[in-house]
Amino acid sequence: MHAISNRRFDAIAGYIRSPRIVMLVQEAGWFATDGDRLLGLIIWDRFDHDYGWVVLGRDRCERFRAIDQAVSLLSFTAAHSALVVRF
Protein backbone atom coordinates (compact mmCIF):
# COMPACT_ATOMS: atom_id res chain seq x y z
CA MET A 1 0.00 0.00 0.00
CA HIS A 2 1.27 3.43 -0.88
CA ALA A 3 -0.12 6.95 -0.65
CA ILE A 4 -1.60 8.49 -3.78
CA SER A 5 -2.74 12.02 -4.47
CA ASN A 6 -6.33 13.16 -4.31
CA ARG A 7 -6.09 13.86 -8.04
CA ARG A 8 -4.99 10.26 -8.73
CA PHE A 9 -7.83 8.91 -6.57
CA ASP A 10 -10.30 11.11 -8.47
CA ALA A 11 -9.02 9.77 -11.79
CA ILE A 12 -9.38 6.14 -10.68
CA ALA A 13 -12.50 6.18 -8.53
CA GLY A 14 -13.88 9.68 -8.09
CA TYR A 15 -17.26 8.44 -9.30
CA ILE A 16 -17.84 6.53 -6.05
CA ARG A 17 -18.56 9.67 -4.02
CA SER A 18 -22.08 10.66 -3.17
CA PRO A 19 -22.41 14.45 -3.61
CA ARG A 20 -23.81 14.74 -0.08
CA ILE A 21 -20.94 12.92 1.60
CA VAL A 22 -18.82 16.09 1.78
CA MET A 23 -21.29 17.46 4.34
CA LEU A 24 -20.53 14.51 6.63
CA VAL A 25 -16.87 13.67 6.15
CA GLN A 26 -13.65 15.16 4.88
CA GLU A 27 -11.21 12.96 3.01
CA ALA A 28 -7.86 12.87 4.80
CA GLY A 29 -5.76 10.31 2.89
CA TRP A 30 -5.78 8.23 -0.29
CA PHE A 31 -3.95 4.94 -0.84
CA ALA A 32 -3.56 2.18 -3.41
CA THR A 33 -1.95 -1.20 -3.84
CA ASP A 34 0.41 -1.84 -6.72
CA GLY A 35 -1.64 -2.07 -9.88
CA ASP A 36 -4.55 -0.26 -8.18
CA ARG A 37 -6.22 -3.56 -7.30
CA LEU A 38 -7.42 -2.08 -4.00
CA LEU A 39 -7.86 1.55 -2.94
CA GLY A 40 -8.01 2.93 0.57
CA LEU A 41 -9.50 6.13 1.88
CA ILE A 42 -9.11 7.71 5.31
CA ILE A 43 -11.90 10.04 6.33
CA TRP A 44 -12.47 12.55 9.13
CA ASP A 45 -16.01 12.79 10.50
CA ARG A 46 -17.11 16.44 10.64
CA PHE A 47 -19.60 15.79 13.47
CA ASP A 48 -17.90 13.25 15.71
CA HIS A 49 -14.38 14.58 15.04
CA ASP A 50 -12.98 11.07 14.67
CA TYR A 51 -11.54 9.08 11.79
CA GLY A 52 -12.50 6.11 9.71
CA TRP A 53 -11.29 4.18 6.70
CA VAL A 54 -12.76 2.47 3.65
CA VAL A 55 -11.26 -0.23 1.43
CA LEU A 56 -12.47 -0.24 -2.18
CA GLY A 57 -12.27 -3.22 -4.51
CA ARG A 58 -13.47 -3.83 -8.03
CA ASP A 59 -16.83 -5.47 -8.73
CA ARG A 60 -17.63 -7.75 -11.68
CA CYS A 61 -17.92 -4.72 -13.96
CA GLU A 62 -14.48 -3.47 -12.79
CA ARG A 63 -16.00 -0.51 -10.88
CA PHE A 64 -14.73 0.28 -7.41
CA ARG A 65 -17.09 -0.45 -4.51
CA ALA A 66 -16.63 -0.33 -0.75
CA ILE A 67 -15.71 -3.79 0.51
CA ASP A 68 -14.65 -3.02 4.10
CA GLN A 69 -14.74 -0.08 6.49
CA ALA A 70 -14.28 1.05 10.07
CA VAL A 71 -15.24 4.18 11.97
CA SER A 72 -14.72 5.86 15.35
CA LEU A 73 -10.93 5.81 15.36
CA LEU A 74 -9.33 8.50 17.49
CA SER A 75 -6.59 9.72 15.14
CA PHE A 76 -5.36 9.70 11.57
CA THR A 77 -2.48 7.48 12.71
CA ALA A 78 -4.87 4.94 14.24
CA ALA A 79 -6.98 4.92 11.06
CA HIS A 80 -3.89 4.51 8.88
CA SER A 81 -2.55 1.65 11.02
CA ALA A 82 -5.92 -0.15 10.86
CA LEU A 83 -6.13 0.39 7.11
CA VAL A 84 -2.66 -1.11 6.61
CA VAL A 85 -3.76 -4.24 8.48
CA ARG A 86 -6.85 -4.62 6.25
CA PHE A 87 -4.87 -4.22 3.04
C-alpha atoms as a PDB file:
ATOM      1  CA  MET A   1       0.000   0.000   0.000  1.00  0.00           C
ATOM      2  CA  HIS A   2       1.274   3.429  -0.879  1.00  0.00           C
ATOM      3  CA  ALA A   3      -0.118   6.948  -0.646  1.00  0.00           C
ATOM      4  CA  ILE A   4      -1.600   8.489  -3.776  1.00  0.00           C
ATOM      5  CA  SER A   5      -2.742  12.024  -4.472  1.00  0.00           C
ATOM      6  CA  ASN A   6      -6.328  13.161  -4.314  1.00  0.00           C
ATOM      7  CA  ARG A   7      -6.088  13.860  -8.044  1.00  0.00           C
ATOM      8  CA  ARG A   8      -4.995  10.259  -8.732  1.00  0.00           C
ATOM      9  CA  PHE A   9      -7.828   8.910  -6.575  1.00  0.00           C
ATOM     10  CA  ASP A  10     -10.296  11.114  -8.467  1.00  0.00           C
ATOM     11  CA  ALA A  11      -9.022   9.765 -11.786  1.00  0.00           C
ATOM     12  CA  ILE A  12      -9.381   6.143 -10.679  1.00  0.00           C
ATOM     13  CA  ALA A  13     -12.504   6.180  -8.526  1.00  0.00           C
ATOM     14  CA  GLY A  14     -13.878   9.684  -8.092  1.00  0.00           C
ATOM     15  CA  TYR A  15     -17.259   8.441  -9.300  1.00  0.00           C
ATOM     16  CA  ILE A  16     -17.844   6.526  -6.053  1.00  0.00           C
ATOM     17  CA  ARG A  17     -18.561   9.666  -4.020  1.00  0.00           C
ATOM     18  CA  SER A  18     -22.085  10.662  -3.168  1.00  0.00           C
ATOM     19  CA  PRO A  19     -22.407  14.447  -3.614  1.00  0.00           C
ATOM     20  CA  ARG A  20     -23.814  14.736  -0.083  1.00  0.00           C
ATOM     21  CA  ILE A  21     -20.937  12.923   1.599  1.00  0.00           C
ATOM     22  CA  VAL A  22     -18.823  16.094   1.776  1.00  0.00           C
ATOM     23  CA  MET A  23     -21.288  17.462   4.338  1.00  0.00           C
ATOM     24  CA  LEU A  24     -20.531  14.515   6.632  1.00  0.00           C
ATOM     25  CA  VAL A  25     -16.869  13.669   6.153  1.00  0.00           C
ATOM     26  CA  GLN A  26     -13.648  15.156   4.884  1.00  0.00           C
ATOM     27  CA  GLU A  27     -11.206  12.957   3.009  1.00  0.00           C
ATOM     28  CA  ALA A  28      -7.861  12.866   4.798  1.00  0.00           C
ATOM     29  CA  GLY A  29      -5.759  10.314   2.888  1.00  0.00           C
ATOM     30  CA  TRP A  30      -5.782   8.230  -0.290  1.00  0.00           C
ATOM     31  CA  PHE A  31      -3.954   4.943  -0.836  1.00  0.00           C
ATOM     32  CA  ALA A  32      -3.562   2.184  -3.412  1.00  0.00           C
ATOM     33  CA  THR A  33      -1.953  -1.197  -3.838  1.00  0.00           C
ATOM     34  CA  ASP A  34       0.407  -1.842  -6.718  1.00  0.00           C
ATOM     35  CA  GLY A  35      -1.644  -2.071  -9.880  1.00  0.00           C
ATOM     36  CA  ASP A  36      -4.545  -0.261  -8.178  1.00  0.00           C
ATOM     37  CA  ARG A  37      -6.223  -3.561  -7.298  1.00  0.00           C
ATOM     38  CA  LEU A  38      -7.419  -2.076  -3.999  1.00  0.00           C
ATOM     39  CA  LEU A  39      -7.863   1.545  -2.937  1.00  0.00           C
ATOM     40  CA  GLY A  40      -8.010   2.931   0.566  1.00  0.00           C
ATOM     41  CA  LEU A  41      -9.497   6.130   1.876  1.00  0.00           C
ATOM     42  CA  ILE A  42      -9.111   7.705   5.312  1.00  0.00           C
ATOM     43  CA  ILE A  43     -11.897  10.043   6.327  1.00  0.00           C
ATOM     44  CA  TRP A  44     -12.473  12.546   9.127  1.00  0.00           C
ATOM     45  CA  ASP A  45     -16.013  12.789  10.496  1.00  0.00           C
ATOM     46  CA  ARG A  46     -17.113  16.437  10.642  1.00  0.00           C
ATOM     47  CA  PHE A  47     -19.600  15.795  13.467  1.00  0.00           C
ATOM     48  CA  ASP A  48     -17.903  13.249  15.706  1.00  0.00           C
ATOM     49  CA  HIS A  49     -14.377  14.583  15.042  1.00  0.00           C
ATOM     50  CA  ASP A  50     -12.985  11.071  14.671  1.00  0.00           C
ATOM     51  CA  TYR A  51     -11.538   9.076  11.794  1.00  0.00           C
ATOM     52  CA  GLY A  52     -12.504   6.105   9.705  1.00  0.00           C
ATOM     53  CA  TRP A  53     -11.287   4.178   6.696  1.00  0.00           C
ATOM     54  CA  VAL A  54     -12.762   2.474   3.648  1.00  0.00           C
ATOM     55  CA  VAL A  55     -11.257  -0.229   1.425  1.00  0.00           C
ATOM     56  CA  LEU A  56     -12.474  -0.239  -2.181  1.00  0.00           C
ATOM     57  CA  GLY A  57     -12.270  -3.222  -4.507  1.00  0.00           C
ATOM     58  CA  ARG A  58     -13.470  -3.826  -8.035  1.00  0.00           C
ATOM     59  CA  ASP A  59     -16.826  -5.468  -8.732  1.00  0.00           C
ATOM     60  CA  ARG A  60     -17.629  -7.755 -11.683  1.00  0.00           C
ATOM     61  CA  CYS A  61     -17.917  -4.716 -13.962  1.00  0.00           C
ATOM     62  CA  GLU A  62     -14.485  -3.473 -12.790  1.00  0.00           C
ATOM     63  CA  ARG A  63     -16.003  -0.508 -10.883  1.00  0.00           C
ATOM     64  CA  PHE A  64     -14.734   0.279  -7.411  1.00  0.00           C
ATOM     65  CA  ARG A  65     -17.089  -0.451  -4.514  1.00  0.00           C
ATOM     66  CA  ALA A  66     -16.630  -0.325  -0.753  1.00  0.00           C
ATOM     67  CA  ILE A  67     -15.714  -3.786   0.513  1.00  0.00           C
ATOM     68  CA  ASP A  68     -14.646  -3.022   4.098  1.00  0.00           C
ATOM     69  CA  GLN A  69     -14.740  -0.085   6.494  1.00  0.00           C
ATOM     70  CA  ALA A  70     -14.281   1.046  10.071  1.00  0.00           C
ATOM     71  CA  VAL A  71     -15.244   4.184  11.970  1.00  0.00           C
ATOM     72  CA  SER A  72     -14.720   5.855  15.354  1.00  0.00           C
ATOM     73  CA  LEU A  73     -10.928   5.806  15.365  1.00  0.00           C
ATOM     74  CA  LEU A  74      -9.327   8.503  17.491  1.00  0.00           C
ATOM     75  CA  SER A  75      -6.595   9.716  15.137  1.00  0.00           C
ATOM     76  CA  PHE A  76      -5.358   9.700  11.571  1.00  0.00           C
ATOM     77  CA  THR A  77      -2.482   7.478  12.708  1.00  0.00           C
ATOM     78  CA  ALA A  78      -4.875   4.942  14.244  1.00  0.00           C
ATOM     79  CA  ALA A  79      -6.978   4.923  11.059  1.00  0.00           C
ATOM     80  CA  HIS A  80      -3.891   4.510   8.884  1.00  0.00           C
ATOM     81  CA  SER A  81      -2.548   1.647  11.017  1.00  0.00           C
ATOM     82  CA  ALA A  82      -5.920  -0.155  10.861  1.00  0.00           C
ATOM     83  CA  LEU A  83      -6.131   0.386   7.107  1.00  0.00           C
ATOM     84  CA  VAL A  84      -2.664  -1.106   6.607  1.00  0.00           C
ATOM     85  CA  VAL A  85      -3.758  -4.236   8.484  1.00  0.00           C
ATOM     86  CA  ARG A  86      -6.850  -4.617   6.251  1.00  0.00           C
ATOM     87  CA  PHE A  87      -4.872  -4.216   3.037  1.00  0.00           C
END
